[in-house]
C-alpha atoms as a PDB file:
ATOM      1  CA  MET A   1       0.000   0.000   0.000  1.00  0.00           C
ATOM      2  CA  VAL A   2       2.858   2.369   0.844  1.00  0.00           C
ATOM      3  CA  ASN A   3       4.464   1.770  -2.542  1.00  0.00           C
ATOM      4  CA  LEU A   4       1.140   2.429  -4.279  1.00  0.00           C
ATOM      5  CA  LEU A   5       0.760   5.772  -2.473  1.00  0.00           C
ATOM      6  CA  LYS A   6       4.357   6.698  -3.296  1.00  0.00           C
ATOM      7  CA  GLY A   7       3.766   5.745  -6.939  1.00  0.00           C
ATOM      8  CA  ILE A   8       0.615   7.869  -7.188  1.00  0.00           C
ATOM      9  CA  CYS A   9       2.424  10.801  -5.542  1.00  0.00           C
ATOM     10  CA  GLY A  10       5.314  10.381  -7.963  1.00  0.00           C
ATOM     11  CA  VAL A  11       3.053  10.502 -11.016  1.00  0.00           C
ATOM     12  CA  ILE A  12       1.213  13.604  -9.763  1.00  0.00           C
ATOM     13  CA  ASP A  13       4.428  15.349  -8.710  1.00  0.00           C
ATOM     14  CA  ARG A  14       6.180  14.634 -12.014  1.00  0.00           C
ATOM     15  CA  SER A  15       3.124  15.768 -13.974  1.00  0.00           C
ATOM     16  CA  ASN A  16       2.944  19.095 -12.171  1.00  0.00           C
ATOM     17  CA  GLU A  17       6.715  19.479 -12.537  1.00  0.00           C
ATOM     18  CA  VAL A  18       6.416  19.112 -16.321  1.00  0.00           C
ATOM     19  CA  VAL A  19       3.426  21.467 -16.451  1.00  0.00           C
ATOM     20  CA  GLY A  20       5.237  24.036 -14.290  1.00  0.00           C
ATOM     21  CA  ARG A  21       8.322  23.985 -16.465  1.00  0.00           C
ATOM     22  CA  GLY A  22       6.111  24.523 -19.509  1.00  0.00           C
ATOM     23  CA  VAL A  23       4.354  27.422 -17.810  1.00  0.00           C
ATOM     24  CA  SER A  24       7.732  29.040 -17.147  1.00  0.00           C
ATOM     25  CA  TRP A  25       8.125  29.515 -20.901  1.00  0.00           C
ATOM     26  CA  ILE A  26       4.747  31.233 -21.030  1.00  0.00           C
ATOM     27  CA  THR A  27       6.116  33.622 -18.404  1.00  0.00           C
ATOM     28  CA  LEU A  28       8.883  34.569 -20.822  1.00  0.00           C
ATOM     29  CA  LEU A  29       6.249  35.153 -23.504  1.00  0.00           C
ATOM     30  CA  LEU A  30       4.301  37.405 -21.102  1.00  0.00           C
ATOM     31  CA  VAL A  31       7.408  39.511 -20.478  1.00  0.00           C
ATOM     32  CA  ALA A  32       7.868  39.916 -24.245  1.00  0.00           C
ATOM     33  CA  VAL A  33       4.221  40.904 -24.769  1.00  0.00           C
ATOM     34  CA  VAL A  34       4.343  43.488 -21.964  1.00  0.00           C
ATOM     35  CA  PHE A  35       7.613  44.863 -23.375  1.00  0.00           C
ATOM     36  CA  VAL A  36       6.060  45.253 -26.828  1.00  0.00           C
ATOM     37  CA  ASP A  37       2.965  46.906 -25.315  1.00  0.00           C
ATOM     38  CA  VAL A  38       5.072  49.403 -23.355  1.00  0.00           C
ATOM     39  CA  VAL A  39       7.222  50.237 -26.395  1.00  0.00           C
ATOM     40  CA  MET A  40       4.113  50.715 -28.533  1.00  0.00           C
ATOM     41  CA  ARG A  41       2.490  52.978 -25.946  1.00  0.00           C
ATOM     42  CA  TYR A  42       5.413  55.214 -25.079  1.00  0.00           C
ATOM     43  CA  LEU A  43       7.377  55.374 -28.318  1.00  0.00           C
ATOM     44  CA  PHE A  44       4.592  55.148 -30.879  1.00  0.00           C
ATOM     45  CA  LYS A  45       1.670  56.496 -28.808  1.00  0.00           C
ATOM     46  CA  THR A  46      -0.553  53.580 -29.814  1.00  0.00           C
ATOM     47  CA  SER A  47      -1.945  50.490 -28.188  1.00  0.00           C
ATOM     48  CA  PHE A  48      -3.914  47.472 -29.287  1.00  0.00           C
ATOM     49  CA  VAL A  49      -6.780  45.816 -27.432  1.00  0.00           C
ATOM     50  CA  PHE A  50      -5.460  42.435 -28.556  1.00  0.00           C
ATOM     51  CA  THR A  51      -2.104  43.047 -26.839  1.00  0.00           C
ATOM     52  CA  GLN A  52      -3.723  44.208 -23.606  1.00  0.00           C
ATOM     53  CA  GLU A  53      -6.047  41.231 -23.508  1.00  0.00           C
ATOM     54  CA  LEU A  54      -3.184  38.883 -24.345  1.00  0.00           C
ATOM     55  CA  GLU A  55      -1.350  40.170 -21.254  1.00  0.00           C
ATOM     56  CA  TRP A  56      -4.135  39.205 -18.880  1.00  0.00           C
ATOM     57  CA  HIS A  57      -4.870  35.955 -20.725  1.00  0.00           C
ATOM     58  CA  LEU A  58      -1.239  34.902 -20.322  1.00  0.00           C
ATOM     59  CA  PHE A  59      -1.183  36.023 -16.692  1.00  0.00           C
ATOM     60  CA  ALA A  60      -4.361  34.047 -15.941  1.00  0.00           C
ATOM     61  CA  PHE A  61      -2.898  30.991 -17.669  1.00  0.00           C
ATOM     62  CA  ILE A  62       0.351  31.246 -15.682  1.00  0.00           C
ATOM     63  CA  PHE A  63      -1.450  31.785 -12.384  1.00  0.00           C
ATOM     64  CA  LEU A  64      -4.049  29.051 -12.830  1.00  0.00           C
ATOM     65  CA  ILE A  65      -2.059  26.330 -14.568  1.00  0.00           C
ATOM     66  CA  GLY A  66       1.031  26.981 -12.428  1.00  0.00           C
ATOM     67  CA  ALA A  67      -0.779  26.708  -9.068  1.00  0.00           C
ATOM     68  CA  GLY A  68      -0.160  22.961  -8.740  1.00  0.00           C
ATOM     69  CA  TYR A  69       3.536  23.440  -9.505  1.00  0.00           C
ATOM     70  CA  THR A  70       3.703  26.200  -6.889  1.00  0.00           C
ATOM     71  CA  LEU A  71       2.125  23.909  -4.305  1.00  0.00           C
ATOM     72  CA  LEU A  72       4.545  21.129  -5.268  1.00  0.00           C
ATOM     73  CA  HIS A  73       7.447  23.438  -4.442  1.00  0.00           C
ATOM     74  CA  ASP A  74       5.767  24.846  -1.296  1.00  0.00           C
ATOM     75  CA  GLY A  75       5.634  28.302  -2.851  1.00  0.00           C
ATOM     76  CA  HIS A  76       2.172  29.335  -1.699  1.00  0.00           C
ATOM     77  CA  VAL A  77       1.768  31.923   1.019  1.00  0.00           C
ATOM     78  CA  ARG A  78       1.560  30.320   4.417  1.00  0.00           C
ATOM     79  CA  VAL A  79       1.063  31.862   7.851  1.00  0.00           C
ATOM     80  CA  ASP A  80       3.637  29.742   9.601  1.00  0.00           C
ATOM     81  CA  ILE A  81       3.810  31.122  13.129  1.00  0.00           C
ATOM     82  CA  ILE A  82       3.072  27.665  14.520  1.00  0.00           C
ATOM     83  CA  TYR A  83       4.042  25.547  11.505  1.00  0.00           C
ATOM     84  CA  GLN A  84       7.699  26.578  11.477  1.00  0.00           C
ATOM     85  CA  ARG A  85       8.152  25.559  15.118  1.00  0.00           C
ATOM     86  CA  LEU A  86       6.803  22.049  14.630  1.00  0.00           C
ATOM     87  CA  GLY A  87       8.706  18.898  13.787  1.00  0.00           C
ATOM     88  CA  VAL A  88       8.233  16.814  10.670  1.00  0.00           C
ATOM     89  CA  LYS A  89       5.208  14.908  11.986  1.00  0.00           C
ATOM     90  CA  GLY A  90       3.556  18.050  13.336  1.00  0.00           C
ATOM     91  CA  ARG A  91       3.929  19.735   9.965  1.00  0.00           C
ATOM     92  CA  ALA A  92       2.635  16.600   8.268  1.00  0.00           C
ATOM     93  CA  TRP A  93      -0.482  16.671  10.472  1.00  0.00           C
ATOM     94  CA  ILE A  94      -1.139  20.325   9.607  1.00  0.00           C
ATOM     95  CA  ASN A  95      -0.643  19.591   5.905  1.00  0.00           C
ATOM     96  CA  LEU A  96      -2.961  16.580   6.021  1.00  0.00           C
ATOM     97  CA  ILE A  97      -5.690  18.448   7.912  1.00  0.00           C
ATOM     98  CA  GLY A  98      -5.311  21.472   5.627  1.00  0.00           C
ATOM     99  CA  VAL A  99      -5.606  19.334   2.513  1.00  0.00           C
ATOM    100  CA  ILE A 100      -8.645  17.410   3.765  1.00  0.00           C
ATOM    101  CA  PHE A 101     -10.616  20.310   5.241  1.00  0.00           C
ATOM    102  CA  PHE A 102      -9.570  23.281   3.121  1.00  0.00           C
ATOM    103  CA  LEU A 103      -7.750  22.488  -0.121  1.00  0.00           C
ATOM    104  CA  ILE A 104      -9.907  19.615  -1.380  1.00  0.00           C
ATOM    105  CA  PRO A 105     -13.266  21.299  -0.577  1.00  0.00           C
ATOM    106  CA  GLY A 106     -12.037  24.627  -1.980  1.00  0.00           C
ATOM    107  CA  CYS A 107     -10.861  23.044  -5.212  1.00  0.00           C
ATOM    108  CA  TYR A 108     -14.055  21.017  -5.487  1.00  0.00           C
ATOM    109  CA  LEU A 109     -16.113  24.185  -5.054  1.00  0.00           C
ATOM    110  CA  VAL A 110     -14.272  26.023  -7.830  1.00  0.00           C
ATOM    111  CA  ILE A 111     -14.233  23.021 -10.193  1.00  0.00           C
ATOM    112  CA  SER A 112     -17.922  22.249  -9.700  1.00  0.00           C
ATOM    113  CA  THR A 113     -19.030  25.863 -10.111  1.00  0.00           C
ATOM    114  CA  SER A 114     -16.713  26.698 -13.007  1.00  0.00           C
ATOM    115  CA  TRP A 115     -17.641  23.626 -15.025  1.00  0.00           C
ATOM    116  CA  LYS A 116     -20.913  25.065 -16.376  1.00  0.00           C
ATOM    117  CA  PHE A 117     -19.411  28.529 -16.764  1.00  0.00           C
ATOM    118  CA  VAL A 118     -16.547  27.146 -18.851  1.00  0.00           C
ATOM    119  CA  GLY A 119     -18.855  24.783 -20.754  1.00  0.00           C
ATOM    120  CA  ASN A 120     -21.127  27.655 -21.768  1.00  0.00           C
ATOM    121  CA  SER A 121     -18.153  29.690 -22.912  1.00  0.00           C
ATOM    122  CA  PHE A 122     -16.846  26.776 -25.036  1.00  0.00           C
ATOM    123  CA  SER A 123     -20.280  25.983 -26.474  1.00  0.00           C
ATOM    124  CA  MET A 124     -20.654  29.468 -27.899  1.00  0.00           C
ATOM    125  CA  LEU A 125     -16.944  29.875 -28.714  1.00  0.00           C
ATOM    126  CA  GLU A 126     -16.933  33.051 -26.652  1.00  0.00           C
ATOM    127  CA  GLY A 127     -14.579  35.792 -27.735  1.00  0.00           C
ATOM    128  CA  SER A 128     -13.770  39.279 -26.651  1.00  0.00           C
ATOM    129  CA  PRO A 129     -16.652  41.766 -26.749  1.00  0.00           C
ATOM    130  CA  ASP A 130     -14.156  44.505 -27.685  1.00  0.00           C
ATOM    131  CA  PRO A 131     -13.315  45.240 -31.321  1.00  0.00           C
ATOM    132  CA  GLY A 132      -9.817  43.941 -32.035  1.00  0.00           C
ATOM    133  CA  GLY A 133      -9.832  41.736 -28.941  1.00  0.00           C
ATOM    134  CA  ILE A 134      -8.902  38.084 -28.658  1.00  0.00           C
ATOM    135  CA  PRO A 135     -11.526  35.934 -30.359  1.00  0.00           C
ATOM    136  CA  TYR A 136     -10.868  32.856 -28.171  1.00  0.00           C
ATOM    137  CA  ARG A 137     -11.782  33.926 -24.645  1.00  0.00           C
ATOM    138  CA  PHE A 138     -13.217  30.461 -23.970  1.00  0.00           C
ATOM    139  CA  ILE A 139      -9.671  29.052 -23.885  1.00  0.00           C
ATOM    140  CA  VAL A 140      -8.557  31.189 -20.952  1.00  0.00           C
ATOM    141  CA  LYS A 141     -11.795  30.402 -19.136  1.00  0.00           C
ATOM    142  CA  GLY A 142     -11.043  26.701 -19.603  1.00  0.00           C
ATOM    143  CA  THR A 143      -7.796  27.111 -17.719  1.00  0.00           C
ATOM    144  CA  MET A 144      -9.822  27.836 -14.593  1.00  0.00           C
ATOM    145  CA  THR A 145     -11.144  24.284 -14.350  1.00  0.00           C
ATOM    146  CA  VAL A 146      -7.923  22.674 -15.577  1.00  0.00           C
ATOM    147  CA  GLY A 147      -5.800  24.710 -13.166  1.00  0.00           C
ATOM    148  CA  TYR A 148      -7.903  23.758 -10.171  1.00  0.00           C
ATOM    149  CA  VAL A 149      -7.846  20.096 -11.199  1.00  0.00           C
ATOM    150  CA  LEU A 150      -4.036  20.261 -11.247  1.00  0.00           C
ATOM    151  CA  LEU A 151      -4.063  22.025  -7.869  1.00  0.00           C
ATOM    152  CA  LEU A 152      -6.457  19.406  -6.468  1.00  0.00           C
ATOM    153  CA  LEU A 153      -4.250  16.562  -7.693  1.00  0.00           C
ATOM    154  CA  GLN A 154      -1.180  18.197  -6.171  1.00  0.00           C
ATOM    155  CA  GLY A 155      -3.103  18.685  -2.924  1.00  0.00           C
ATOM    156  CA  ILE A 156      -3.982  14.993  -2.891  1.00  0.00           C
ATOM    157  CA  SER A 157      -0.312  14.188  -3.424  1.00  0.00           C
ATOM    158  CA  MET A 158       0.620  16.569  -0.609  1.00  0.00           C
ATOM    159  CA  GLY A 159      -1.900  14.867   1.668  1.00  0.00           C
ATOM    160  CA  MET A 160      -0.549  11.416   0.788  1.00  0.00           C
ATOM    161  CA  HIS A 161       3.021  12.593   1.423  1.00  0.00           C
ATOM    162  CA  ALA A 162       1.867  13.929   4.804  1.00  0.00           C
ATOM    163  CA  LEU A 163       0.140  10.635   5.638  1.00  0.00           C
ATOM    164  CA  LEU A 164       3.272   8.699   4.712  1.00  0.00           C
ATOM    165  CA  GLN A 165       5.342  10.990   6.940  1.00  0.00           C
ATOM    166  CA  ILE A 166       2.926  10.514   9.847  1.00  0.00           C
ATOM    167  CA  LEU A 167       3.159   6.739   9.392  1.00  0.00           C
ATOM    168  CA  GLY A 168       6.950   6.968   9.243  1.00  0.00           C
ATOM    169  CA  ALA A 169       7.028   5.498   5.724  1.00  0.00           C
ATOM    170  CA  GLU A 170       8.564   8.624   4.185  1.00  0.00           C
ATOM    171  CA  THR A 171      11.096  11.106   5.418  1.00  0.00           C
ATOM    172  CA  VAL A 172      11.381  14.716   4.335  1.00  0.00           C
ATOM    173  CA  ASP A 173      14.616  13.816   2.489  1.00  0.00           C
ATOM    174  CA  GLU A 174      12.766  11.125   0.455  1.00  0.00           C
ATOM    175  CA  GLU A 175      10.099  13.605  -0.508  1.00  0.00           C
ATOM    176  CA  ASN A 176      12.580  16.174  -1.810  1.00  0.00           C
ATOM    177  CA  ALA A 177      14.655  13.630  -3.718  1.00  0.00           C
END
């Protein structure tokens, strides 16, 4: 059973690692788009709706799709007044409780409520209401559901890692290897 849990965690962790590394290239693209927008505004006194919308589409994609990767690398904001003073098992208990009572229900809530919203957007191939805007707004809306599924999977992996630590079947060094 322990090996099965470790195997599932490994698949989820590797998947979010690959996704996160891919998202990092989108970050480079966002920097380029913002640079072009700034140059166009200040040197040529012009701006395009498409470029402005592309900025927030890319940002939304990075934020939503990269959330699981951020959780994998413990990069989310945490109020750790108590957490930092605890040992490995104490931290594992907090992680397990947090995953079960907060992360999983929160992700479920967003996934279940966004599903219809995203489905409607895809069914009508929703685009920008602004002239010259991005015609494929439904794609960025789809990243909402996908991003939270990735975050949910990473949360499940985090919870399983915590359970394995509580049971003494995994050490912090094993997890980071």
